[in-house]
Amino acid sequence: MLLALGVALGVAALDYRAGFGDVPWHALFVIPVVWIALWSAEDDILPVTIMAAIATMLALARVIMSHGIDSSPSFGERAVIVGIIWITVLLALLRKRTRRTFKWIKFSRRL
């Protein structure tokens, strides 16, 4: 969890740097969410949700903090990445549920 948080903070640092121009660093906020979703157990819903909330706050922080500055990002771009983050959470939770169901079906066939 700490490593994924570090990656999220690194993406936020790259996103805040004005010297990189039009590079869409905010699209990389989905990486820590996917990372936690793949590494966590089937029963772990909270870590994925917490990381998604942190990534959402970091993605939206630049829009809020740079309001009125010439290089401020558009809210539409951030809304798209926030939507992608939460669609990823939904798909990850559905995947976890499917794996739990498959384990129960496999277990019940043994009985």
N, C-alpha and C. Protein backbone atom coordinates (compact mmCIF):
# COMPACT_ATOMS: atom_id res chain seq x y z
N MET A 1 0.83 -1.19 0.00
CA MET A 1 0.00 0.00 0.00
C MET A 1 0.87 1.25 0.00
N LEU A 2 1.96 1.22 0.75
CA LEU A 2 2.85 2.38 0.81
C LEU A 2 3.55 2.63 -0.52
N LEU A 3 3.91 1.56 -1.20
CA LEU A 3 4.55 1.72 -2.50
C LEU A 3 3.59 2.33 -3.52
N ALA A 4 2.35 1.88 -3.51
CA ALA A 4 1.35 2.44 -4.42
C ALA A 4 1.06 3.90 -4.08
N LEU A 5 1.05 4.23 -2.79
CA LEU A 5 0.87 5.62 -2.38
C LEU A 5 2.04 6.47 -2.86
N GLY A 6 3.25 5.92 -2.78
CA GLY A 6 4.43 6.63 -3.29
C GLY A 6 4.34 6.88 -4.78
N VAL A 7 3.84 5.90 -5.52
CA VAL A 7 3.66 6.07 -6.96
C VAL A 7 2.62 7.16 -7.24
N ALA A 8 1.54 7.16 -6.48
CA ALA A 8 0.50 8.19 -6.65
C ALA A 8 1.06 9.58 -6.36
N LEU A 9 1.86 9.70 -5.32
CA LEU A 9 2.47 10.99 -5.00
C LEU A 9 3.49 11.40 -6.06
N GLY A 10 4.21 10.43 -6.61
CA GLY A 10 5.14 10.72 -7.70
C GLY A 10 4.42 11.22 -8.94
N VAL A 11 3.30 10.61 -9.26
CA VAL A 11 2.51 11.06 -10.40
C VAL A 11 1.97 12.47 -10.14
N ALA A 12 1.58 12.73 -8.90
CA ALA A 12 1.10 14.07 -8.55
C ALA A 12 2.22 15.09 -8.68
N ALA A 13 3.43 14.73 -8.28
CA ALA A 13 4.57 15.64 -8.42
C ALA A 13 4.85 15.93 -9.88
N LEU A 14 4.80 14.91 -10.73
CA LEU A 14 4.99 15.13 -12.17
C LEU A 14 3.87 15.97 -12.76
N ASP A 15 2.68 15.79 -12.25
CA ASP A 15 1.52 16.53 -12.74
C ASP A 15 1.62 18.01 -12.38
N TYR A 16 2.20 18.33 -11.23
CA TYR A 16 2.31 19.72 -10.80
C TYR A 16 3.44 20.48 -11.49
N ARG A 17 4.40 19.76 -12.04
CA ARG A 17 5.51 20.44 -12.71
C ARG A 17 5.03 21.07 -14.00
N ALA A 18 5.26 22.35 -14.13
CA ALA A 18 4.81 23.07 -15.32
C ALA A 18 5.78 22.91 -16.48
N GLY A 19 6.99 22.45 -16.23
CA GLY A 19 8.00 22.36 -17.27
C GLY A 19 7.77 21.25 -18.28
N PHE A 20 6.87 20.34 -18.01
CA PHE A 20 6.64 19.21 -18.91
C PHE A 20 5.62 19.51 -19.99
N GLY A 21 5.04 20.67 -19.97
CA GLY A 21 4.12 21.07 -21.03
C GLY A 21 2.81 20.32 -21.03
N ASP A 22 2.47 19.77 -22.17
CA ASP A 22 1.16 19.14 -22.34
C ASP A 22 1.18 17.63 -22.15
N VAL A 23 2.11 17.12 -21.38
CA VAL A 23 2.15 15.68 -21.12
C VAL A 23 1.01 15.34 -20.15
N PRO A 24 0.16 14.40 -20.50
CA PRO A 24 -1.00 14.07 -19.63
C PRO A 24 -0.62 13.15 -18.48
N TRP A 25 0.12 13.67 -17.50
CA TRP A 25 0.54 12.86 -16.37
C TRP A 25 -0.63 12.38 -15.55
N HIS A 26 -1.74 13.11 -15.56
CA HIS A 26 -2.89 12.74 -14.74
C HIS A 26 -3.48 11.40 -15.15
N ALA A 27 -3.18 10.94 -16.34
CA ALA A 27 -3.69 9.63 -16.77
C ALA A 27 -3.01 8.50 -16.01
N LEU A 28 -1.86 8.77 -15.41
CA LEU A 28 -1.14 7.72 -14.68
C LEU A 28 -1.67 7.50 -13.26
N PHE A 29 -2.65 8.29 -12.83
CA PHE A 29 -3.22 8.10 -11.50
C PHE A 29 -3.94 6.77 -11.36
N VAL A 30 -4.25 6.12 -12.45
CA VAL A 30 -4.95 4.84 -12.40
C VAL A 30 -3.99 3.69 -12.04
N ILE A 31 -2.69 3.89 -12.23
CA ILE A 31 -1.71 2.83 -11.98
C ILE A 31 -1.71 2.34 -10.53
N PRO A 32 -1.66 3.23 -9.52
CA PRO A 32 -1.69 2.69 -8.14
C PRO A 32 -2.98 1.96 -7.80
N VAL A 33 -4.07 2.38 -8.40
CA VAL A 33 -5.35 1.70 -8.14
C VAL A 33 -5.31 0.29 -8.71
N VAL A 34 -4.82 0.15 -9.92
CA VAL A 34 -4.71 -1.17 -10.54
C VAL A 34 -3.73 -2.04 -9.76
N TRP A 35 -2.65 -1.43 -9.32
CA TRP A 35 -1.64 -2.15 -8.56
C TRP A 35 -2.24 -2.76 -7.29
N ILE A 36 -2.96 -1.96 -6.52
CA ILE A 36 -3.59 -2.45 -5.30
C ILE A 36 -4.66 -3.49 -5.62
N ALA A 37 -5.40 -3.26 -6.68
CA ALA A 37 -6.46 -4.20 -7.06
C ALA A 37 -5.89 -5.57 -7.41
N LEU A 38 -4.75 -5.60 -8.06
CA LEU A 38 -4.16 -6.88 -8.45
C LEU A 38 -3.43 -7.56 -7.29
N TRP A 39 -2.86 -6.79 -6.38
CA TRP A 39 -2.06 -7.38 -5.31
C TRP A 39 -2.87 -7.74 -4.08
N SER A 40 -4.03 -7.16 -3.92
CA SER A 40 -4.80 -7.43 -2.70
C SER A 40 -5.58 -8.74 -2.85
N ALA A 41 -5.96 -9.27 -1.70
CA ALA A 41 -6.70 -10.53 -1.69
C ALA A 41 -8.14 -10.32 -2.17
N GLU A 42 -8.83 -11.43 -2.41
CA GLU A 42 -10.19 -11.36 -2.92
C GLU A 42 -11.16 -10.70 -1.95
N ASP A 43 -10.87 -10.78 -0.67
CA ASP A 43 -11.76 -10.20 0.34
C ASP A 43 -11.46 -8.73 0.64
N ASP A 44 -10.35 -8.21 0.13
CA ASP A 44 -9.94 -6.85 0.44
C ASP A 44 -10.60 -5.85 -0.51
N ILE A 45 -11.61 -5.18 -0.01
CA ILE A 45 -12.30 -4.15 -0.79
C ILE A 45 -11.81 -2.77 -0.36
N LEU A 46 -11.53 -2.62 0.90
CA LEU A 46 -11.17 -1.32 1.46
C LEU A 46 -9.87 -0.74 0.89
N PRO A 47 -8.78 -1.51 0.72
CA PRO A 47 -7.57 -0.91 0.17
C PRO A 47 -7.76 -0.35 -1.24
N VAL A 48 -8.51 -1.04 -2.07
CA VAL A 48 -8.76 -0.56 -3.43
C VAL A 48 -9.56 0.73 -3.40
N THR A 49 -10.56 0.78 -2.55
CA THR A 49 -11.40 1.97 -2.45
C THR A 49 -10.62 3.15 -1.88
N ILE A 50 -9.79 2.90 -0.88
CA ILE A 50 -9.00 3.98 -0.28
C ILE A 50 -8.01 4.54 -1.30
N MET A 51 -7.33 3.66 -2.04
CA MET A 51 -6.37 4.13 -3.04
C MET A 51 -7.07 4.90 -4.14
N ALA A 52 -8.26 4.49 -4.52
CA ALA A 52 -9.02 5.22 -5.54
C ALA A 52 -9.41 6.60 -5.03
N ALA A 53 -9.78 6.69 -3.76
CA ALA A 53 -10.14 7.99 -3.19
C ALA A 53 -8.92 8.91 -3.13
N ILE A 54 -7.76 8.36 -2.75
CA ILE A 54 -6.54 9.16 -2.72
C ILE A 54 -6.17 9.62 -4.12
N ALA A 55 -6.23 8.72 -5.09
CA ALA A 55 -5.90 9.09 -6.48
C ALA A 55 -6.88 10.14 -7.01
N THR A 56 -8.14 10.02 -6.64
CA THR A 56 -9.13 11.02 -7.06
C THR A 56 -8.82 12.38 -6.48
N MET A 57 -8.49 12.41 -5.19
CA MET A 57 -8.16 13.70 -4.56
C MET A 57 -6.90 14.32 -5.17
N LEU A 58 -5.89 13.49 -5.45
CA LEU A 58 -4.67 14.01 -6.06
C LEU A 58 -4.92 14.50 -7.49
N ALA A 59 -5.77 13.80 -8.22
CA ALA A 59 -6.07 14.21 -9.59
C ALA A 59 -6.85 15.52 -9.63
N LEU A 60 -7.75 15.69 -8.68
CA LEU A 60 -8.56 16.91 -8.65
C LEU A 60 -7.87 18.07 -7.94
N ALA A 61 -6.82 17.80 -7.17
CA ALA A 61 -6.15 18.84 -6.39
C ALA A 61 -5.55 19.91 -7.29
N ARG A 62 -4.99 19.51 -8.42
CA ARG A 62 -4.38 20.51 -9.30
C ARG A 62 -5.41 21.45 -9.88
N VAL A 63 -6.58 20.94 -10.20
CA VAL A 63 -7.63 21.80 -10.74
C VAL A 63 -8.04 22.83 -9.70
N ILE A 64 -8.15 22.38 -8.46
CA ILE A 64 -8.57 23.28 -7.39
C ILE A 64 -7.47 24.28 -7.04
N MET A 65 -6.23 23.81 -6.97
CA MET A 65 -5.12 24.66 -6.56
C MET A 65 -4.68 25.65 -7.64
N SER A 66 -4.83 25.29 -8.88
CA SER A 66 -4.35 26.16 -9.96
C SER A 66 -5.48 26.91 -10.63
N HIS A 67 -6.55 27.14 -9.93
CA HIS A 67 -7.68 27.88 -10.49
C HIS A 67 -7.26 29.32 -10.78
N GLY A 68 -7.41 29.74 -12.01
CA GLY A 68 -7.07 31.09 -12.40
C GLY A 68 -5.69 31.24 -13.01
N ILE A 69 -4.86 30.20 -12.95
CA ILE A 69 -3.52 30.25 -13.55
C ILE A 69 -3.66 29.86 -15.02
N ASP A 70 -2.76 30.41 -15.85
CA ASP A 70 -2.84 30.16 -17.30
C ASP A 70 -2.72 28.68 -17.65
N SER A 71 -1.89 27.95 -16.92
CA SER A 71 -1.67 26.54 -17.26
C SER A 71 -2.58 25.60 -16.48
N SER A 72 -3.71 26.09 -16.02
CA SER A 72 -4.58 25.23 -15.23
C SER A 72 -5.24 24.18 -16.13
N PRO A 73 -5.31 22.94 -15.65
CA PRO A 73 -5.91 21.88 -16.46
C PRO A 73 -7.42 22.03 -16.52
N SER A 74 -7.98 21.48 -17.56
CA SER A 74 -9.43 21.57 -17.69
C SER A 74 -10.10 20.55 -16.77
N PHE A 75 -11.26 20.90 -16.29
CA PHE A 75 -12.01 20.02 -15.40
C PHE A 75 -12.50 18.79 -16.17
N GLY A 76 -12.75 18.94 -17.45
CA GLY A 76 -13.21 17.81 -18.26
C GLY A 76 -12.20 16.69 -18.33
N GLU A 77 -10.91 17.06 -18.51
CA GLU A 77 -9.87 16.04 -18.53
C GLU A 77 -9.79 15.30 -17.20
N ARG A 78 -9.90 16.03 -16.12
CA ARG A 78 -9.83 15.42 -14.80
C ARG A 78 -11.08 14.58 -14.52
N ALA A 79 -12.20 14.99 -15.02
CA ALA A 79 -13.42 14.21 -14.83
C ALA A 79 -13.31 12.87 -15.55
N VAL A 80 -12.67 12.87 -16.71
CA VAL A 80 -12.48 11.62 -17.45
C VAL A 80 -11.58 10.67 -16.66
N ILE A 81 -10.47 11.17 -16.12
CA ILE A 81 -9.57 10.28 -15.39
C ILE A 81 -10.20 9.81 -14.09
N VAL A 82 -10.99 10.66 -13.43
CA VAL A 82 -11.70 10.22 -12.22
C VAL A 82 -12.71 9.13 -12.56
N GLY A 83 -13.39 9.29 -13.68
CA GLY A 83 -14.31 8.24 -14.14
C GLY A 83 -13.59 6.95 -14.43
N ILE A 84 -12.42 7.03 -15.05
CA ILE A 84 -11.64 5.83 -15.35
C ILE A 84 -11.16 5.16 -14.06
N ILE A 85 -10.76 5.97 -13.08
CA ILE A 85 -10.33 5.40 -11.80
C ILE A 85 -11.46 4.60 -11.16
N TRP A 86 -12.66 5.16 -11.14
CA TRP A 86 -13.76 4.48 -10.45
C TRP A 86 -14.34 3.33 -11.28
N ILE A 87 -14.23 3.39 -12.59
CA ILE A 87 -14.59 2.22 -13.41
C ILE A 87 -13.61 1.09 -13.16
N THR A 88 -12.34 1.44 -12.97
CA THR A 88 -11.33 0.43 -12.63
C THR A 88 -11.64 -0.22 -11.30
N VAL A 89 -12.07 0.58 -10.32
CA VAL A 89 -12.45 0.03 -9.02
C VAL A 89 -13.63 -0.93 -9.18
N LEU A 90 -14.63 -0.51 -9.93
CA LEU A 90 -15.79 -1.36 -10.15
C LEU A 90 -15.39 -2.68 -10.80
N LEU A 91 -14.58 -2.62 -11.83
CA LEU A 91 -14.13 -3.85 -12.50
C LEU A 91 -13.28 -4.72 -11.58
N ALA A 92 -12.43 -4.09 -10.77
CA ALA A 92 -11.60 -4.86 -9.84
C ALA A 92 -12.45 -5.56 -8.79
N LEU A 93 -13.46 -4.87 -8.28
CA LEU A 93 -14.33 -5.49 -7.28
C LEU A 93 -15.18 -6.60 -7.88
N LEU A 94 -15.62 -6.42 -9.12
CA LEU A 94 -16.35 -7.50 -9.80
C LEU A 94 -15.45 -8.70 -10.04
N ARG A 95 -14.18 -8.45 -10.38
CA ARG A 95 -13.22 -9.54 -10.57
C ARG A 95 -12.99 -10.29 -9.27
N LYS A 96 -12.85 -9.55 -8.18
CA LYS A 96 -12.66 -10.19 -6.88
C LYS A 96 -13.87 -11.04 -6.49
N ARG A 97 -15.04 -10.51 -6.74
CA ARG A 97 -16.27 -11.26 -6.42
C ARG A 97 -16.37 -12.53 -7.26
N THR A 98 -16.01 -12.44 -8.53
CA THR A 98 -16.05 -13.61 -9.40
C THR A 98 -15.07 -14.67 -8.93
N ARG A 99 -13.88 -14.24 -8.52
CA ARG A 99 -12.89 -15.20 -8.03
C ARG A 99 -13.37 -15.87 -6.74
N ARG A 100 -14.01 -15.11 -5.84
CA ARG A 100 -14.55 -15.71 -4.62
C ARG A 100 -15.64 -16.72 -4.96
N THR A 101 -16.51 -16.35 -5.88
CA THR A 101 -17.60 -17.25 -6.28
C THR A 101 -17.04 -18.52 -6.91
N PHE A 102 -16.04 -18.38 -7.74
CA PHE A 102 -15.42 -19.54 -8.38
C PHE A 102 -14.80 -20.46 -7.34
N LYS A 103 -14.16 -19.87 -6.32
CA LYS A 103 -13.57 -20.70 -5.26
C LYS A 103 -14.65 -21.47 -4.51
N TRP A 104 -15.79 -20.83 -4.23
CA TRP A 104 -16.87 -21.52 -3.54
C TRP A 104 -17.48 -22.61 -4.39
N ILE A 105 -17.63 -22.38 -5.68
CA ILE A 105 -18.17 -23.41 -6.56
C ILE A 105 -17.20 -24.59 -6.63
N LYS A 106 -15.93 -24.28 -6.73
CA LYS A 106 -14.93 -25.33 -6.79
C LYS A 106 -14.88 -26.11 -5.46
N PHE A 107 -15.03 -25.40 -4.36
CA PHE A 107 -15.04 -26.05 -3.05
C PHE A 107 -16.27 -26.93 -2.87
N SER A 108 -17.43 -26.45 -3.32
CA SER A 108 -18.66 -27.23 -3.14
C SER A 108 -18.68 -28.48 -4.01
N ARG A 109 -17.99 -28.47 -5.11
CA ARG A 109 -17.93 -29.67 -5.94
C ARG A 109 -17.09 -30.76 -5.30
N ARG A 110 -16.17 -30.37 -4.46
CA ARG A 110 -15.34 -31.37 -3.76
C ARG A 110 -16.13 -32.10 -2.69
N LEU A 111 -17.14 -31.44 -2.17
CA LEU A 111 -17.92 -32.07 -1.09
C LEU A 111 -18.84 -33.07 -1.63
